Amino acid sequence: MNIYNRPFDDQSQVRIRLETIAIFSILQKIKNKELTLLWSFMIDYENSLNPYEDVRQEIEMAASLAVESITPDESVLTAAKEFESKGIKPRDSIHLACALKGKAEYFLTCDDKLIRRATTLDINIKIINPLRFIEDMEVN
């Protein structure tokens, strides 16, 4: 969820500005059908908790770009419990489980701790910062 909120964070920090630029670039590539976006019930849930109506609506619009929306089921709950047992926070575990169910190649996050902890997971998803994702795309 943090990647969708990043453009609304304090842009005076260079890292936040660069991540915001990367996120806008990724969203443009999604709009141009160069990349595909998976959405999930967990993103909708976390977005519903946002106290800022305008931000909530902007993030809801991103959902319309998704090719698929992952719904909860037993496989998501089982995977999330496994991730949580390996030190991943509960909500992050559900996000990752949804990405796994949707067969995502990448999971983008601005959370450095999640990126570090996710290295212990035995999943075939590259968990990466949006800025690093753009850098990887440009190299490949």
Protein backbone atom coordinates (compact mmCIF):
# COMPACT_ATOMS: atom_id res chain seq x y z
CA MET A 1 0.00 0.00 0.00
CA ASN A 2 2.91 2.32 0.68
CA ILE A 3 3.70 2.72 -3.00
CA TYR A 4 0.26 4.19 -3.63
CA ASN A 5 0.64 6.59 -0.72
CA ARG A 6 4.21 7.62 -1.59
CA PRO A 7 3.20 10.48 -3.94
CA PHE A 8 1.29 12.03 -1.02
CA ASP A 9 4.24 11.86 1.37
CA ASP A 10 6.55 14.80 2.16
CA GLN A 11 8.44 15.28 -1.11
CA SER A 12 11.25 17.31 0.51
CA GLN A 13 13.26 14.10 1.04
CA VAL A 14 15.21 13.06 -2.05
CA ARG A 15 14.48 9.35 -1.64
CA ILE A 16 10.74 9.96 -1.40
CA ARG A 17 10.83 12.20 -4.49
CA LEU A 18 12.76 9.59 -6.47
CA GLU A 19 10.42 6.79 -5.39
CA THR A 20 7.45 8.95 -6.37
CA ILE A 21 8.92 9.53 -9.83
CA ALA A 22 9.52 5.78 -10.16
CA ILE A 23 5.94 5.01 -9.12
CA PHE A 24 4.53 7.48 -11.64
CA SER A 25 6.72 5.90 -14.32
CA ILE A 26 5.48 2.43 -13.39
CA LEU A 27 1.85 3.58 -13.44
CA GLN A 28 2.40 5.10 -16.88
CA LYS A 29 3.85 1.79 -18.12
CA ILE A 30 0.77 0.06 -16.74
CA LYS A 31 -1.49 2.53 -18.55
CA ASN A 32 0.52 1.89 -21.74
CA LYS A 33 0.06 -1.87 -21.22
CA GLU A 34 3.83 -2.39 -20.94
CA LEU A 35 3.30 -3.81 -17.44
CA THR A 36 0.34 -5.43 -15.73
CA LEU A 37 -1.00 -4.63 -12.29
CA LEU A 38 -2.54 -7.03 -9.78
CA TRP A 39 -4.86 -5.60 -7.14
CA SER A 40 -6.18 -7.22 -3.99
CA PHE A 41 -8.85 -7.06 -1.35
CA MET A 42 -6.10 -6.11 1.11
CA ILE A 43 -5.20 -2.96 -0.83
CA ASP A 44 -8.89 -2.03 -0.88
CA TYR A 45 -9.13 -2.65 2.86
CA GLU A 46 -6.06 -0.60 3.75
CA ASN A 47 -7.13 2.17 1.42
CA SER A 48 -10.52 2.29 3.14
CA LEU A 49 -8.69 3.17 6.37
CA ASN A 50 -7.08 6.25 4.81
CA PRO A 51 -8.44 9.33 6.60
CA TYR A 52 -7.93 11.55 3.54
CA GLU A 53 -10.85 11.29 1.11
CA ASP A 54 -8.93 12.78 -1.83
CA VAL A 55 -6.01 10.37 -1.39
CA ARG A 56 -8.40 7.43 -0.99
CA GLN A 57 -10.13 8.33 -4.26
CA GLU A 58 -6.84 8.70 -6.14
CA ILE A 59 -5.73 5.26 -4.98
CA GLU A 60 -9.13 3.77 -5.90
CA MET A 61 -8.57 5.02 -9.45
CA ALA A 62 -5.37 2.99 -9.67
CA ALA A 63 -7.47 -0.14 -9.12
CA SER A 64 -9.10 0.41 -12.49
CA LEU A 65 -5.71 -0.28 -14.11
CA ALA A 66 -5.48 -3.78 -12.64
CA VAL A 67 -5.90 -6.84 -14.84
CA GLU A 68 -6.98 -8.92 -11.86
CA SER A 69 -8.14 -8.41 -8.30
CA ILE A 70 -7.18 -11.11 -5.83
CA THR A 71 -9.91 -12.19 -3.42
CA PRO A 72 -9.41 -13.96 -0.10
CA ASP A 73 -9.45 -17.73 0.02
CA GLU A 74 -7.84 -20.55 1.95
CA SER A 75 -4.61 -20.45 -0.11
CA VAL A 76 -4.14 -16.75 0.71
CA LEU A 77 -4.76 -17.33 4.42
CA THR A 78 -2.43 -20.36 4.55
CA ALA A 79 0.39 -18.56 2.76
CA ALA A 80 -0.08 -15.44 4.89
CA LYS A 81 0.19 -17.49 8.08
CA GLU A 82 3.40 -19.08 6.78
CA PHE A 83 4.89 -15.66 5.95
CA GLU A 84 3.87 -14.31 9.34
CA SER A 85 5.61 -17.23 11.04
CA LYS A 86 8.80 -16.07 9.31
CA GLY A 87 8.61 -12.57 10.77
CA ILE A 88 6.57 -10.76 8.16
CA LYS A 89 3.92 -8.39 9.58
CA PRO A 90 0.32 -9.65 9.28
CA ARG A 91 -0.88 -7.16 6.65
CA ASP A 92 2.32 -7.50 4.64
CA SER A 93 1.88 -11.27 4.82
CA ILE A 94 -1.56 -10.97 3.25
CA HIS A 95 -0.26 -8.65 0.52
CA LEU A 96 2.51 -11.14 -0.28
CA ALA A 97 0.08 -14.07 -0.22
CA CYS A 98 -2.14 -12.23 -2.70
CA ALA A 99 0.86 -11.58 -4.96
CA LEU A 100 1.71 -15.28 -4.77
CA LYS A 101 -1.86 -16.28 -5.63
CA GLY A 102 -1.83 -13.87 -8.58
CA LYS A 103 1.49 -15.30 -9.79
CA ALA A 104 3.17 -11.89 -9.64
CA GLU A 105 6.74 -11.66 -10.83
CA TYR A 106 7.43 -8.59 -8.69
CA PHE A 107 6.16 -7.19 -5.42
CA LEU A 108 6.90 -3.48 -5.10
CA THR A 109 7.30 -1.84 -1.71
CA CYS A 110 9.02 1.15 -0.16
CA ASP A 111 9.46 -0.80 3.10
CA ASP A 112 13.16 -1.66 3.50
CA LYS A 113 12.47 -3.95 6.47
CA LEU A 114 9.98 -5.97 4.44
CA ILE A 115 12.46 -6.29 1.59
CA ARG A 116 15.14 -7.58 3.99
CA ARG A 117 12.80 -9.97 5.82
CA ALA A 118 11.33 -11.30 2.59
CA THR A 119 14.69 -12.82 1.67
CA THR A 120 13.83 -15.62 4.13
CA LEU A 121 10.72 -16.56 2.15
CA ASP A 122 10.79 -19.40 -0.33
CA ILE A 123 8.74 -17.74 -3.05
CA ASN A 124 9.40 -16.97 -6.68
CA ILE A 125 8.57 -13.24 -6.47
CA LYS A 126 11.16 -10.49 -6.58
CA ILE A 127 10.40 -8.14 -3.69
CA ILE A 128 11.86 -4.79 -4.60
CA ASN A 129 11.72 -1.03 -4.15
CA PRO A 130 10.01 0.82 -7.06
CA LEU A 131 13.19 2.75 -7.83
CA ARG A 132 15.21 -0.47 -8.08
CA PHE A 133 12.46 -1.96 -10.23
CA ILE A 134 12.79 0.89 -12.74
CA GLU A 135 16.57 0.52 -12.70
CA ASP A 136 16.25 -3.23 -13.34
CA MET A 137 13.83 -2.62 -16.21
CA GLU A 138 16.19 -0.14 -17.85
CA VAL A 139 19.12 -2.58 -17.60
CA ASN A 140 17.07 -5.44 -19.03
